[in-house]
Structures are given as structure tokens and as C-alpha cells.
């Protein structure tokens, strides 16, 4: 499970985020490249924009549930 205090600063403001435990497996970026991207300097993924539709939110929830190390979080806001 992702930890809010470890939320990466690159994440777009909003409820979904990637924390510092990301292992750069690429799964989130492969499944939703319009939502997730990679910081080339750190090698970590982050949320480049928050999901805007119900379908996008459902996709992000699916990705969150399947994250290999649990580094994608939802702060509920």
C-alpha cells in the first residue's frame, strides 16, 4: 500500500499518486500512458494528470489494485 508521506512531488495534484517505492516496472504507464509517465531523472513513474472520467478512474483503480509493490495510492480527496 502506498504511503502518502512518500508521495512523489512530480504527481499532479489530486487523489491518485505514486510514492517513492516505485520500481519502474512500467505496468501503469503501459496500461494508462495518458495518466502515468516516467521521470527520466529518477526512473520512477508518477501521475502526470488525474483521471477525468469514470472510465479513467476505473482504469486507475484497476492499476492501483494490480501494482506489484503497492506504490500507487489514493488519498481519498
C-alpha atoms as a PDB file:
ATOM      1  CA  UNK A   1       0.000   0.000   0.000  1.00  0.00           C
ATOM      2  CA  UNK A   2       1.303   3.432  -0.960  1.00  0.00           C
ATOM      3  CA  UNK A   3       2.262   5.870   1.779  1.00  0.00           C
ATOM      4  CA  UNK A   4       1.136   9.480   1.479  1.00  0.00           C
ATOM      5  CA  UNK A   5       4.270  10.862   3.189  1.00  0.00           C
ATOM      6  CA  UNK A   6       6.322   9.212   0.405  1.00  0.00           C
ATOM      7  CA  UNK A   7       4.189  10.740  -2.384  1.00  0.00           C
ATOM      8  CA  UNK A   8       6.467  11.904  -5.188  1.00  0.00           C
ATOM      9  CA  UNK A   9       6.395  15.679  -5.762  1.00  0.00           C
ATOM     10  CA  UNK A  10       6.047  15.176  -9.529  1.00  0.00           C
ATOM     11  CA  UNK A  11       2.493  13.832  -9.144  1.00  0.00           C
ATOM     12  CA  UNK A  12      -0.302  16.039 -10.434  1.00  0.00           C
ATOM     13  CA  UNK A  13      -2.430  17.443  -7.610  1.00  0.00           C
ATOM     14  CA  UNK A  14      -5.360  15.186  -6.777  1.00  0.00           C
ATOM     15  CA  UNK A  15      -6.330  11.938  -5.152  1.00  0.00           C
ATOM     16  CA  UNK A  16      -4.108   9.465  -7.049  1.00  0.00           C
ATOM     17  CA  UNK A  17      -0.351   9.380  -6.675  1.00  0.00           C
ATOM     18  CA  UNK A  18       2.782   7.243  -6.929  1.00  0.00           C
ATOM     19  CA  UNK A  19       5.120   7.051  -3.964  1.00  0.00           C
ATOM     20  CA  UNK A  20       8.868   6.521  -3.655  1.00  0.00           C
ATOM     21  CA  UNK A  21       8.554   2.713  -3.534  1.00  0.00           C
ATOM     22  CA  UNK A  22       8.016   2.573  -7.329  1.00  0.00           C
ATOM     23  CA  UNK A  23      10.315   0.021  -9.002  1.00  0.00           C
ATOM     24  CA  UNK A  24       9.813   1.283 -12.580  1.00  0.00           C
ATOM     25  CA  UNK A  25       8.063  -1.892 -13.729  1.00  0.00           C
ATOM     26  CA  UNK A  26       6.226   0.124 -16.401  1.00  0.00           C
ATOM     27  CA  UNK A  27       2.846  -1.557 -15.835  1.00  0.00           C
ATOM     28  CA  UNK A  28       0.950   1.658 -15.027  1.00  0.00           C
ATOM     29  CA  UNK A  29       2.472   3.511 -17.979  1.00  0.00           C
ATOM     30  CA  UNK A  30       1.691   0.657 -20.344  1.00  0.00           C
ATOM     31  CA  UNK A  31      -1.933   0.475 -19.219  1.00  0.00           C
ATOM     32  CA  UNK A  32      -2.636   4.223 -18.982  1.00  0.00           C
ATOM     33  CA  UNK A  33       0.065   6.286 -20.703  1.00  0.00           C
ATOM     34  CA  UNK A  34      -2.187   9.347 -20.684  1.00  0.00           C
ATOM     35  CA  UNK A  35      -2.332   9.221 -16.869  1.00  0.00           C
ATOM     36  CA  UNK A  36       1.099   7.899 -15.850  1.00  0.00           C
ATOM     37  CA  UNK A  37       4.531   8.864 -17.116  1.00  0.00           C
ATOM     38  CA  UNK A  38       8.150   8.360 -16.064  1.00  0.00           C
ATOM     39  CA  UNK A  39      10.617  10.840 -14.650  1.00  0.00           C
ATOM     40  CA  UNK A  40      13.796  10.197 -16.670  1.00  0.00           C
ATOM     41  CA  UNK A  41      15.981  11.566 -13.878  1.00  0.00           C
ATOM     42  CA  UNK A  42      14.667   9.329 -11.092  1.00  0.00           C
ATOM     43  CA  UNK A  43      13.368   6.425 -13.177  1.00  0.00           C
ATOM     44  CA  UNK A  44      10.101   6.475 -11.240  1.00  0.00           C
ATOM     45  CA  UNK A  45       6.567   6.698 -12.561  1.00  0.00           C
ATOM     46  CA  UNK A  46       4.181   9.428 -11.469  1.00  0.00           C
ATOM     47  CA  UNK A  47       0.661  10.656 -12.176  1.00  0.00           C
ATOM     48  CA  UNK A  48       1.031  13.264 -14.900  1.00  0.00           C
ATOM     49  CA  UNK A  49      -2.698  14.083 -14.834  1.00  0.00           C
ATOM     50  CA  UNK A  50      -5.566  12.918 -12.699  1.00  0.00           C
ATOM     51  CA  UNK A  51      -8.265  10.758 -14.320  1.00  0.00           C
ATOM     52  CA  UNK A  52     -11.131  12.879 -15.630  1.00  0.00           C
ATOM     53  CA  UNK A  53     -13.832  10.350 -16.460  1.00  0.00           C
ATOM     54  CA  UNK A  54     -15.456   7.395 -14.716  1.00  0.00           C
ATOM     55  CA  UNK A  55     -13.726   5.052 -17.178  1.00  0.00           C
ATOM     56  CA  UNK A  56     -10.331   6.596 -16.451  1.00  0.00           C
ATOM     57  CA  UNK A  57     -10.935   6.381 -12.699  1.00  0.00           C
ATOM     58  CA  UNK A  58     -11.932   2.721 -13.050  1.00  0.00           C
ATOM     59  CA  UNK A  59      -8.743   2.049 -15.033  1.00  0.00           C
ATOM     60  CA  UNK A  60      -6.576   3.774 -12.423  1.00  0.00           C
ATOM     61  CA  UNK A  61      -8.292   1.772  -9.661  1.00  0.00           C
ATOM     62  CA  UNK A  62      -7.520  -1.433 -11.602  1.00  0.00           C
ATOM     63  CA  UNK A  63      -3.892  -0.393 -11.996  1.00  0.00           C
ATOM     64  CA  UNK A  64      -3.687   0.559  -8.315  1.00  0.00           C
ATOM     65  CA  UNK A  65      -5.008  -2.869  -7.285  1.00  0.00           C
ATOM     66  CA  UNK A  66      -2.508  -4.643  -9.532  1.00  0.00           C
ATOM     67  CA  UNK A  67       0.596  -2.590  -8.718  1.00  0.00           C
ATOM     68  CA  UNK A  68       3.354  -5.122  -7.961  1.00  0.00           C
ATOM     69  CA  UNK A  69       4.746  -3.169  -5.000  1.00  0.00           C
ATOM     70  CA  UNK A  70       1.706  -1.134  -3.994  1.00  0.00           C
ATOM     71  CA  UNK A  71       3.279   2.198  -4.857  1.00  0.00           C
ATOM     72  CA  UNK A  72       0.123   3.734  -6.339  1.00  0.00           C
ATOM     73  CA  UNK A  73      -2.134   5.383  -3.805  1.00  0.00           C
ATOM     74  CA  UNK A  74      -5.491   7.076  -3.419  1.00  0.00           C
ATOM     75  CA  UNK A  75      -5.651   9.702  -0.714  1.00  0.00           C
ATOM     76  CA  UNK A  76      -9.440   9.806  -0.967  1.00  0.00           C
ATOM     77  CA  UNK A  77      -9.615  13.535  -1.629  1.00  0.00           C
END
